[in-house]
């Protein structure tokens, strides 16, 4: 085993939430660059179908059922992957869940669901992979956060809370990991054309909110096609930045929030009024 990360060609990557959404398109992009991918997902039928398609096209992939909240299962997946390939270059800690709605209408179960998957799922991945990568002397952990982890997101407070935590974890670990030859980045998608925009397979919209209303709300942000997102994101992963913001124009919103917070909050109030109108909230 060479003591150096492979930039995709002949590398090995685990992608949680790899059966659909940006996980799926990132897997396809990585395969196109010569990477072996392990598709880990609760949606095992979709993951197996995608893996079979990749193999039929000449790529290397296999699928495994995984609930990221199950740490022993996560560790077993990592152990199996290394036993097969001899290395682990990338962990795309990508599985996530969206819980929307006004905070006063939420139940404890909504918080539990969001924090368990979006935070515990990420820490389980770090725990399962980081020590191995330190021992290898290389590796790159890419934790999928969100623009909602860089700027406050109303009508989705549990989601925004969890994604701020993912960004904080990634930035803190990056400083420590650099001394061990391991890379850590937070991937922060803006509006992307994927199922999570409308709750996804396992998420939840707010009380009385329809998918059509959510689609109308996000249409103003011109969501980026998922395959375009994947190309830009993987290009940026190769350069190992601390924060990966895609599409790049969302960086302006982040900088406005950091440098001109009073202006940002004025914009946010207008956005809140618009969302309450579309979702017919009180």
C-alpha atoms as a PDB file:
ATOM      1  CA  UNK A   1       0.000   0.000   0.000  1.00  0.00           C
ATOM      2  CA  UNK A   2       1.486   3.341  -1.017  1.00  0.00           C
ATOM      3  CA  UNK A   3       1.318   6.043   1.618  1.00  0.00           C
ATOM      4  CA  UNK A   4      -0.544   8.511  -0.592  1.00  0.00           C
ATOM      5  CA  UNK A   5      -4.130   9.295  -1.499  1.00  0.00           C
ATOM      6  CA  UNK A   6      -5.150   8.536  -5.066  1.00  0.00           C
ATOM      7  CA  UNK A   7      -6.998  11.350  -6.778  1.00  0.00           C
ATOM      8  CA  UNK A   8      -9.860   9.168  -7.957  1.00  0.00           C
ATOM      9  CA  UNK A   9      -8.126   6.850 -10.465  1.00  0.00           C
ATOM     10  CA  UNK A  10      -7.678   3.437  -8.796  1.00  0.00           C
ATOM     11  CA  UNK A  11      -8.955   4.908  -5.520  1.00  0.00           C
ATOM     12  CA  UNK A  12     -11.633   3.435  -3.248  1.00  0.00           C
ATOM     13  CA  UNK A  13     -14.559   5.471  -1.933  1.00  0.00           C
ATOM     14  CA  UNK A  14     -17.466   4.727   0.376  1.00  0.00           C
ATOM     15  CA  UNK A  15     -20.537   6.865  -0.308  1.00  0.00           C
ATOM     16  CA  UNK A  16     -23.372   6.800   2.200  1.00  0.00           C
ATOM     17  CA  UNK A  17     -26.727   7.735   0.765  1.00  0.00           C
ATOM     18  CA  UNK A  18     -25.217   6.572  -2.506  1.00  0.00           C
ATOM     19  CA  UNK A  19     -28.395   5.193  -4.086  1.00  0.00           C
ATOM     20  CA  UNK A  20     -30.084   8.474  -4.920  1.00  0.00           C
ATOM     21  CA  UNK A  21     -29.716  12.240  -5.083  1.00  0.00           C
ATOM     22  CA  UNK A  22     -26.251  13.765  -4.987  1.00  0.00           C
ATOM     23  CA  UNK A  23     -24.843  10.518  -3.576  1.00  0.00           C
ATOM     24  CA  UNK A  24     -25.843   8.746  -6.768  1.00  0.00           C
ATOM     25  CA  UNK A  25     -24.477  11.410  -9.104  1.00  0.00           C
ATOM     26  CA  UNK A  26     -21.215  11.717  -7.151  1.00  0.00           C
ATOM     27  CA  UNK A  27     -20.810   7.946  -7.345  1.00  0.00           C
ATOM     28  CA  UNK A  28     -21.237   8.024 -11.113  1.00  0.00           C
ATOM     29  CA  UNK A  29     -18.804  10.928 -11.418  1.00  0.00           C
ATOM     30  CA  UNK A  30     -16.191   9.126  -9.308  1.00  0.00           C
ATOM     31  CA  UNK A  31     -16.565   5.949 -11.359  1.00  0.00           C
ATOM     32  CA  UNK A  32     -16.078   7.970 -14.554  1.00  0.00           C
ATOM     33  CA  UNK A  33     -12.716   9.045 -13.115  1.00  0.00           C
ATOM     34  CA  UNK A  34     -11.608   5.503 -12.359  1.00  0.00           C
ATOM     35  CA  UNK A  35     -12.662   5.154  -8.729  1.00  0.00           C
ATOM     36  CA  UNK A  36     -14.121   2.034  -7.102  1.00  0.00           C
ATOM     37  CA  UNK A  37     -17.257   2.986  -5.171  1.00  0.00           C
ATOM     38  CA  UNK A  38     -19.142   1.324  -2.351  1.00  0.00           C
ATOM     39  CA  UNK A  39     -22.782   2.389  -2.353  1.00  0.00           C
ATOM     40  CA  UNK A  40     -24.065   2.323   1.211  1.00  0.00           C
ATOM     41  CA  UNK A  41     -27.749   3.064   1.647  1.00  0.00           C
ATOM     42  CA  UNK A  42     -30.941   2.025   3.383  1.00  0.00           C
ATOM     43  CA  UNK A  43     -32.517   1.915  -0.084  1.00  0.00           C
ATOM     44  CA  UNK A  44     -30.668  -1.285  -0.907  1.00  0.00           C
ATOM     45  CA  UNK A  45     -32.697  -2.176  -4.018  1.00  0.00           C
ATOM     46  CA  UNK A  46     -31.817   1.167  -5.627  1.00  0.00           C
ATOM     47  CA  UNK A  47     -28.185   0.834  -4.532  1.00  0.00           C
ATOM     48  CA  UNK A  48     -27.893  -2.663  -6.004  1.00  0.00           C
ATOM     49  CA  UNK A  49     -29.489  -1.524  -9.250  1.00  0.00           C
ATOM     50  CA  UNK A  50     -27.001   1.344  -9.545  1.00  0.00           C
ATOM     51  CA  UNK A  51     -24.047  -0.900  -8.700  1.00  0.00           C
ATOM     52  CA  UNK A  52     -25.112  -3.427 -11.335  1.00  0.00           C
ATOM     53  CA  UNK A  53     -25.401  -0.647 -13.922  1.00  0.00           C
ATOM     54  CA  UNK A  54     -21.908   0.616 -13.069  1.00  0.00           C
ATOM     55  CA  UNK A  55     -20.386  -2.874 -13.334  1.00  0.00           C
ATOM     56  CA  UNK A  56     -22.196  -3.515 -16.625  1.00  0.00           C
ATOM     57  CA  UNK A  57     -20.615  -0.315 -17.971  1.00  0.00           C
ATOM     58  CA  UNK A  58     -17.123  -1.459 -16.993  1.00  0.00           C
ATOM     59  CA  UNK A  59     -16.798   0.267 -13.619  1.00  0.00           C
ATOM     60  CA  UNK A  60     -16.170  -1.110 -10.151  1.00  0.00           C
ATOM     61  CA  UNK A  61     -18.926  -0.862  -7.551  1.00  0.00           C
ATOM     62  CA  UNK A  62     -20.898  -2.837  -5.039  1.00  0.00           C
ATOM     63  CA  UNK A  63     -23.813  -2.034  -2.772  1.00  0.00           C
ATOM     64  CA  UNK A  64     -24.416  -2.650   0.913  1.00  0.00           C
ATOM     65  CA  UNK A  65     -27.418  -1.885   3.057  1.00  0.00           C
ATOM     66  CA  UNK A  66     -26.505   0.576   5.787  1.00  0.00           C
ATOM     67  CA  UNK A  67     -28.308   2.609   8.408  1.00  0.00           C
ATOM     68  CA  UNK A  68     -25.670   5.209   9.303  1.00  0.00           C
ATOM     69  CA  UNK A  69     -27.040   5.378  12.856  1.00  0.00           C
ATOM     70  CA  UNK A  70     -25.872   1.776  13.365  1.00  0.00           C
ATOM     71  CA  UNK A  71     -22.196   2.130  14.278  1.00  0.00           C
ATOM     72  CA  UNK A  72     -21.296  -1.599  14.321  1.00  0.00           C
ATOM     73  CA  UNK A  73     -22.761  -1.955  10.820  1.00  0.00           C
ATOM     74  CA  UNK A  74     -20.797   1.100   9.654  1.00  0.00           C
ATOM     75  CA  UNK A  75     -17.565  -0.305  11.067  1.00  0.00           C
ATOM     76  CA  UNK A  76     -18.251  -3.679   9.457  1.00  0.00           C
ATOM     77  CA  UNK A  77     -18.712  -1.969   6.084  1.00  0.00           C
ATOM     78  CA  UNK A  78     -15.382  -0.168   6.408  1.00  0.00           C
ATOM     79  CA  UNK A  79     -13.615  -3.384   7.442  1.00  0.00           C
ATOM     80  CA  UNK A  80     -15.121  -5.275   4.506  1.00  0.00           C
ATOM     81  CA  UNK A  81     -14.134  -2.540   2.055  1.00  0.00           C
ATOM     82  CA  UNK A  82     -10.506  -2.502   3.188  1.00  0.00           C
ATOM     83  CA  UNK A  83     -10.370  -6.302   3.164  1.00  0.00           C
ATOM     84  CA  UNK A  84     -11.480  -6.232  -0.487  1.00  0.00           C
ATOM     85  CA  UNK A  85      -9.458  -3.307  -1.816  1.00  0.00           C
ATOM     86  CA  UNK A  86      -6.581  -2.933   0.636  1.00  0.00           C
ATOM     87  CA  UNK A  87      -7.255   0.760   1.186  1.00  0.00           C
ATOM     88  CA  UNK A  88      -9.839   3.480   1.711  1.00  0.00           C
ATOM     89  CA  UNK A  89      -9.105   6.779  -0.011  1.00  0.00           C
ATOM     90  CA  UNK A  90     -12.420   8.578   0.450  1.00  0.00           C
ATOM     91  CA  UNK A  91     -15.386   8.559   2.761  1.00  0.00           C
ATOM     92  CA  UNK A  92     -18.296  10.591   1.440  1.00  0.00           C
ATOM     93  CA  UNK A  93     -20.355  10.935   4.616  1.00  0.00           C
ATOM     94  CA  UNK A  94     -23.358  11.914   2.562  1.00  0.00           C
ATOM     95  CA  UNK A  95     -26.505  10.297   3.974  1.00  0.00           C
ATOM     96  CA  UNK A  96     -28.897  12.894   5.337  1.00  0.00           C
ATOM     97  CA  UNK A  97     -32.500  13.625   6.068  1.00  0.00           C
ATOM     98  CA  UNK A  98     -34.606  16.775   5.785  1.00  0.00           C
ATOM     99  CA  UNK A  99     -37.165  17.738   8.412  1.00  0.00           C
ATOM    100  CA  UNK A 100     -39.098  20.901   7.665  1.00  0.00           C
ATOM    101  CA  UNK A 101     -41.848  22.969   9.214  1.00  0.00           C
ATOM    102  CA  UNK A 102     -42.341  25.692  11.781  1.00  0.00           C
ATOM    103  CA  UNK A 103     -40.496  24.893  15.002  1.00  0.00           C
ATOM    104  CA  UNK A 104     -43.551  25.287  17.252  1.00  0.00           C
ATOM    105  CA  UNK A 105     -45.236  22.493  15.263  1.00  0.00           C
ATOM    106  CA  UNK A 106     -42.399  19.981  15.619  1.00  0.00           C
ATOM    107  CA  UNK A 107     -42.366  16.900  17.803  1.00  0.00           C
ATOM    108  CA  UNK A 108     -39.418  15.515  19.749  1.00  0.00           C
ATOM    109  CA  UNK A 109     -39.310  12.704  17.190  1.00  0.00           C
ATOM    110  CA  UNK A 110     -38.595  15.271  14.447  1.00  0.00           C
ATOM    111  CA  UNK A 111     -35.543  16.502  16.322  1.00  0.00           C
ATOM    112  CA  UNK A 112     -34.425  12.946  17.077  1.00  0.00           C
ATOM    113  CA  UNK A 113     -34.712  11.893  13.443  1.00  0.00           C
ATOM    114  CA  UNK A 114     -32.781  14.889  12.116  1.00  0.00           C
ATOM    115  CA  UNK A 115     -30.014  14.869  14.716  1.00  0.00           C
ATOM    116  CA  UNK A 116     -29.575  11.083  14.695  1.00  0.00           C
ATOM    117  CA  UNK A 117     -29.082  10.770  10.953  1.00  0.00           C
ATOM    118  CA  UNK A 118     -27.405  14.086  10.182  1.00  0.00           C
ATOM    119  CA  UNK A 119     -25.049  14.248  13.174  1.00  0.00           C
ATOM    120  CA  UNK A 120     -24.729  10.753  14.633  1.00  0.00           C
ATOM    121  CA  UNK A 121     -24.530   9.279  11.141  1.00  0.00           C
ATOM    122  CA  UNK A 122     -21.594  11.562  10.361  1.00  0.00           C
ATOM    123  CA  UNK A 123     -19.772  10.938  13.652  1.00  0.00           C
ATOM    124  CA  UNK A 124     -20.222   7.198  13.142  1.00  0.00           C
ATOM    125  CA  UNK A 125     -18.515   7.519   9.770  1.00  0.00           C
ATOM    126  CA  UNK A 126     -15.661   9.514  11.240  1.00  0.00           C
ATOM    127  CA  UNK A 127     -15.253   7.014  14.063  1.00  0.00           C
ATOM    128  CA  UNK A 128     -15.252   4.073  11.650  1.00  0.00           C
ATOM    129  CA  UNK A 129     -12.829   5.576   9.098  1.00  0.00           C
ATOM    130  CA  UNK A 130     -10.580   8.161  10.692  1.00  0.00           C
ATOM    131  CA  UNK A 131      -8.357   5.831  12.718  1.00  0.00           C
ATOM    132  CA  UNK A 132      -7.834   3.662   9.638  1.00  0.00           C
ATOM    133  CA  UNK A 133      -6.890   6.692   7.562  1.00  0.00           C
ATOM    134  CA  UNK A 134      -4.438   7.838  10.235  1.00  0.00           C
ATOM    135  CA  UNK A 135      -2.837   4.378  10.167  1.00  0.00           C
ATOM    136  CA  UNK A 136      -2.680   4.491   6.349  1.00  0.00           C
ATOM    137  CA  UNK A 137      -1.228   7.979   6.431  1.00  0.00           C
ATOM    138  CA  UNK A 138      -3.799   9.221   3.908  1.00  0.00           C
ATOM    139  CA  UNK A 139      -7.495   9.596   3.218  1.00  0.00           C
ATOM    140  CA  UNK A 140     -10.148  12.218   2.661  1.00  0.00           C
ATOM    141  CA  UNK A 141     -13.366  12.500   4.672  1.00  0.00           C
ATOM    142  CA  UNK A 142     -15.970  14.590   2.846  1.00  0.00           C
ATOM    143  CA  UNK A 143     -18.893  15.366   5.139  1.00  0.00           C
ATOM    144  CA  UNK A 144     -22.018  16.545   3.350  1.00  0.00           C
ATOM    145  CA  UNK A 145     -23.382  19.551   5.222  1.00  0.00           C
ATOM    146  CA  UNK A 146     -25.470  22.163   3.416  1.00  0.00           C
ATOM    147  CA  UNK A 147     -25.706  25.881   2.856  1.00  0.00           C
ATOM    148  CA  UNK A 148     -28.133  25.530   5.772  1.00  0.00           C
ATOM    149  CA  UNK A 149     -25.023  24.707   7.811  1.00  0.00           C
ATOM    150  CA  UNK A 150     -23.380  28.002   6.865  1.00  0.00           C
ATOM    151  CA  UNK A 151     -26.351  30.375   6.966  1.00  0.00           C
ATOM    152  CA  UNK A 152     -29.513  30.040   9.077  1.00  0.00           C
ATOM    153  CA  UNK A 153     -32.396  28.254   7.403  1.00  0.00           C
ATOM    154  CA  UNK A 154     -35.892  29.032   8.647  1.00  0.00           C
ATOM    155  CA  UNK A 155     -38.716  26.533   8.344  1.00  0.00           C
ATOM    156  CA  UNK A 156     -36.117  23.791   8.817  1.00  0.00           C
ATOM    157  CA  UNK A 157     -34.502  24.542  12.178  1.00  0.00           C
ATOM    158  CA  UNK A 158     -33.572  20.925  13.091  1.00  0.00           C
ATOM    159  CA  UNK A 159     -31.988  20.461   9.667  1.00  0.00           C
ATOM    160  CA  UNK A 160     -30.036  23.722   9.908  1.00  0.00           C
ATOM    161  CA  UNK A 161     -28.944  22.864  13.450  1.00  0.00           C
ATOM    162  CA  UNK A 162     -27.616  19.489  12.368  1.00  0.00           C
ATOM    163  CA  UNK A 163     -25.789  20.888   9.351  1.00  0.00           C
ATOM    164  CA  UNK A 164     -24.084  23.642  11.375  1.00  0.00           C
ATOM    165  CA  UNK A 165     -22.822  20.809  13.582  1.00  0.00           C
ATOM    166  CA  UNK A 166     -21.434  18.951  10.553  1.00  0.00           C
ATOM    167  CA  UNK A 167     -19.556  22.055   9.413  1.00  0.00           C
ATOM    168  CA  UNK A 168     -18.137  22.584  12.915  1.00  0.00           C
ATOM    169  CA  UNK A 169     -17.047  18.951  13.203  1.00  0.00           C
ATOM    170  CA  UNK A 170     -15.390  19.073   9.790  1.00  0.00           C
ATOM    171  CA  UNK A 171     -13.477  22.287  10.430  1.00  0.00           C
ATOM    172  CA  UNK A 172     -12.281  21.201  13.866  1.00  0.00           C
ATOM    173  CA  UNK A 173     -11.217  17.738  12.682  1.00  0.00           C
ATOM    174  CA  UNK A 174      -9.485  19.172   9.602  1.00  0.00           C
ATOM    175  CA  UNK A 175      -6.969  21.023  11.791  1.00  0.00           C
ATOM    176  CA  UNK A 176      -6.148  17.894  13.759  1.00  0.00           C
ATOM    177  CA  UNK A 177      -6.200  15.534  10.782  1.00  0.00           C
ATOM    178  CA  UNK A 178      -3.756  17.596   8.732  1.00  0.00           C
ATOM    179  CA  UNK A 179      -0.959  16.543  11.074  1.00  0.00           C
ATOM    180  CA  UNK A 180      -1.791  12.907  10.294  1.00  0.00           C
ATOM    181  CA  UNK A 181      -1.913  13.231   6.518  1.00  0.00           C
ATOM    182  CA  UNK A 182      -5.701  13.005   6.416  1.00  0.00           C
ATOM    183  CA  UNK A 183      -7.943  15.501   4.613  1.00  0.00           C
ATOM    184  CA  UNK A 184     -11.336  16.670   5.857  1.00  0.00           C
ATOM    185  CA  UNK A 185     -13.803  18.862   3.963  1.00  0.00           C
ATOM    186  CA  UNK A 186     -17.374  20.019   4.473  1.00  0.00           C
ATOM    187  CA  UNK A 187     -19.449  19.819   1.302  1.00  0.00           C
ATOM    188  CA  UNK A 188     -22.140  22.501   1.334  1.00  0.00           C
ATOM    189  CA  UNK A 189     -24.680  22.150  -1.480  1.00  0.00           C
ATOM    190  CA  UNK A 190     -27.027  24.985  -2.302  1.00  0.00           C
ATOM    191  CA  UNK A 191     -30.300  24.249  -4.071  1.00  0.00           C
ATOM    192  CA  UNK A 192     -29.836  21.032  -6.067  1.00  0.00           C
ATOM    193  CA  UNK A 193     -32.431  19.113  -8.075  1.00  0.00           C
ATOM    194  CA  UNK A 194     -32.718  16.074  -5.795  1.00  0.00           C
ATOM    195  CA  UNK A 195     -35.497  14.411  -3.782  1.00  0.00           C
ATOM    196  CA  UNK A 196     -34.272  15.950  -0.492  1.00  0.00           C
ATOM    197  CA  UNK A 197     -35.584  19.348  -1.622  1.00  0.00           C
ATOM    198  CA  UNK A 198     -39.058  17.968  -1.004  1.00  0.00           C
ATOM    199  CA  UNK A 199     -38.258  15.806   2.014  1.00  0.00           C
ATOM    200  CA  UNK A 200     -36.679  12.778   0.356  1.00  0.00           C
ATOM    201  CA  UNK A 201     -37.518   9.145   1.016  1.00  0.00           C
ATOM    202  CA  UNK A 202     -37.241   9.363   4.802  1.00  0.00           C
ATOM    203  CA  UNK A 203     -37.691  13.059   5.614  1.00  0.00           C
ATOM    204  CA  UNK A 204     -40.751  15.076   6.561  1.00  0.00           C
ATOM    205  CA  UNK A 205     -42.275  18.307   5.347  1.00  0.00           C
ATOM    206  CA  UNK A 206     -44.025  20.679   7.710  1.00  0.00           C
ATOM    207  CA  UNK A 207     -47.640  20.232   8.738  1.00  0.00           C
ATOM    208  CA  UNK A 208     -49.938  20.841   5.779  1.00  0.00           C
ATOM    209  CA  UNK A 209     -47.066  21.602   3.389  1.00  0.00           C
ATOM    210  CA  UNK A 210     -47.179  19.860   0.018  1.00  0.00           C
ATOM    211  CA  UNK A 211     -44.341  18.894  -2.295  1.00  0.00           C
ATOM    212  CA  UNK A 212     -45.814  21.227  -4.896  1.00  0.00           C
ATOM    213  CA  UNK A 213     -45.521  24.167  -2.506  1.00  0.00           C
ATOM    214  CA  UNK A 214     -41.913  23.289  -1.677  1.00  0.00           C
ATOM    215  CA  UNK A 215     -41.062  22.980  -5.372  1.00  0.00           C
ATOM    216  CA  UNK A 216     -42.573  26.432  -5.976  1.00  0.00           C
ATOM    217  CA  UNK A 217     -40.549  27.899  -3.110  1.00  0.00           C
ATOM    218  CA  UNK A 218     -37.244  26.488  -4.358  1.00  0.00           C
ATOM    219  CA  UNK A 219     -37.892  27.379  -7.996  1.00  0.00           C
ATOM    220  CA  UNK A 220     -36.825  30.971  -7.279  1.00  0.00           C
ATOM    221  CA  UNK A 221     -33.356  29.654  -6.400  1.00  0.00           C
ATOM    222  CA  UNK A 222     -32.977  27.858  -9.752  1.00  0.00           C
ATOM    223  CA  UNK A 223     -31.829  24.468  -8.408  1.00  0.00           C
ATOM    224  CA  UNK A 224     -28.743  23.034 -10.073  1.00  0.00           C
ATOM    225  CA  UNK A 225     -29.035  19.694 -11.925  1.00  0.00           C
ATOM    226  CA  UNK A 226     -27.550  16.940  -9.771  1.00  0.00           C
ATOM    227  CA  UNK A 227     -25.096  15.714 -12.424  1.00  0.00           C
ATOM    228  CA  UNK A 228     -23.666  19.229 -12.850  1.00  0.00           C
ATOM    229  CA  UNK A 229     -23.365  19.471  -9.089  1.00  0.00           C
ATOM    230  CA  UNK A 230     -21.414  16.220  -8.960  1.00  0.00           C
ATOM    231  CA  UNK A 231     -18.880  17.310 -11.583  1.00  0.00           C
ATOM    232  CA  UNK A 232     -18.194  20.608  -9.834  1.00  0.00           C
ATOM    233  CA  UNK A 233     -18.116  19.051  -6.369  1.00  0.00           C
ATOM    234  CA  UNK A 234     -15.685  16.271  -7.289  1.00  0.00           C
ATOM    235  CA  UNK A 235     -13.435  18.768  -9.089  1.00  0.00           C
ATOM    236  CA  UNK A 236     -13.277  20.754  -5.860  1.00  0.00           C
ATOM    237  CA  UNK A 237     -12.728  17.672  -3.673  1.00  0.00           C
ATOM    238  CA  UNK A 238      -9.538  17.051  -5.642  1.00  0.00           C
ATOM    239  CA  UNK A 239      -8.219  20.426  -4.461  1.00  0.00           C
ATOM    240  CA  UNK A 240      -8.962  19.677  -0.789  1.00  0.00           C
ATOM    241  CA  UNK A 241     -10.595  22.925   0.408  1.00  0.00           C
ATOM    242  CA  UNK A 242     -12.043  23.173   3.916  1.00  0.00           C
ATOM    243  CA  UNK A 243     -15.431  24.274   2.563  1.00  0.00           C
ATOM    244  CA  UNK A 244     -16.840  23.121  -0.755  1.00  0.00           C
ATOM    245  CA  UNK A 245     -19.732  25.361  -1.798  1.00  0.00           C
ATOM    246  CA  UNK A 246     -21.639  24.272  -4.903  1.00  0.00           C
ATOM    247  CA  UNK A 247     -22.991  26.069  -6.875  1.00  0.00           C
ATOM    248  CA  UNK A 248     -20.253  28.624  -6.368  1.00  0.00           C
ATOM    249  CA  UNK A 249     -22.631  31.587  -6.486  1.00  0.00           C
ATOM    250  CA  UNK A 250     -24.005  30.541  -3.084  1.00  0.00           C
ATOM    251  CA  UNK A 251     -20.697  31.674  -1.590  1.00  0.00           C
ATOM    252  CA  UNK A 252     -21.972  35.252  -1.883  1.00  0.00           C
ATOM    253  CA  UNK A 253     -24.806  34.471   0.503  1.00  0.00           C
ATOM    254  CA  UNK A 254     -22.357  32.956   2.990  1.00  0.00           C
ATOM    255  CA  UNK A 255     -20.030  35.957   2.806  1.00  0.00           C
ATOM    256  CA  UNK A 256     -22.960  38.346   3.246  1.00  0.00           C
ATOM    257  CA  UNK A 257     -24.054  36.481   6.364  1.00  0.00           C
ATOM    258  CA  UNK A 258     -20.520  36.532   7.817  1.00  0.00           C
ATOM    259  CA  UNK A 259     -19.547  40.097   6.878  1.00  0.00           C
ATOM    260  CA  UNK A 260     -22.901  41.932   6.827  1.00  0.00           C
ATOM    261  CA  UNK A 261     -25.145  40.047   9.254  1.00  0.00           C
ATOM    262  CA  UNK A 262     -27.664  42.882   9.684  1.00  0.00           C
ATOM    263  CA  UNK A 263     -28.222  42.958   5.915  1.00  0.00           C
ATOM    264  CA  UNK A 264     -28.539  39.202   5.850  1.00  0.00           C
ATOM    265  CA  UNK A 265     -31.210  39.203   8.549  1.00  0.00           C
ATOM    266  CA  UNK A 266     -33.223  41.813   6.655  1.00  0.00           C
ATOM    267  CA  UNK A 267     -33.116  39.569   3.583  1.00  0.00           C
ATOM    268  CA  UNK A 268     -34.046  36.581   5.745  1.00  0.00           C
ATOM    269  CA  UNK A 269     -37.159  38.306   7.055  1.00  0.00           C
ATOM    270  CA  UNK A 270     -38.306  38.886   3.484  1.00  0.00           C
ATOM    271  CA  UNK A 271     -37.583  35.252   2.670  1.00  0.00           C
ATOM    272  CA  UNK A 272     -39.529  34.141   5.733  1.00  0.00           C
ATOM    273  CA  UNK A 273     -42.515  36.214   4.661  1.00  0.00           C
ATOM    274  CA  UNK A 274     -42.375  34.659   1.195  1.00  0.00           C
ATOM    275  CA  UNK A 275     -42.221  31.116   2.554  1.00  0.00           C
ATOM    276  CA  UNK A 276     -45.124  31.727   4.934  1.00  0.00           C
ATOM    277  CA  UNK A 277     -47.167  33.026   2.023  1.00  0.00           C
ATOM    278  CA  UNK A 278     -46.360  30.040  -0.210  1.00  0.00           C
ATOM    279  CA  UNK A 279     -46.842  27.489   2.567  1.00  0.00           C
ATOM    280  CA  UNK A 280     -49.919  29.312   3.941  1.00  0.00           C
ATOM    281  CA  UNK A 281     -48.418  29.351   7.425  1.00  0.00           C
ATOM    282  CA  UNK A 282     -49.417  31.500  10.383  1.00  0.00           C
END
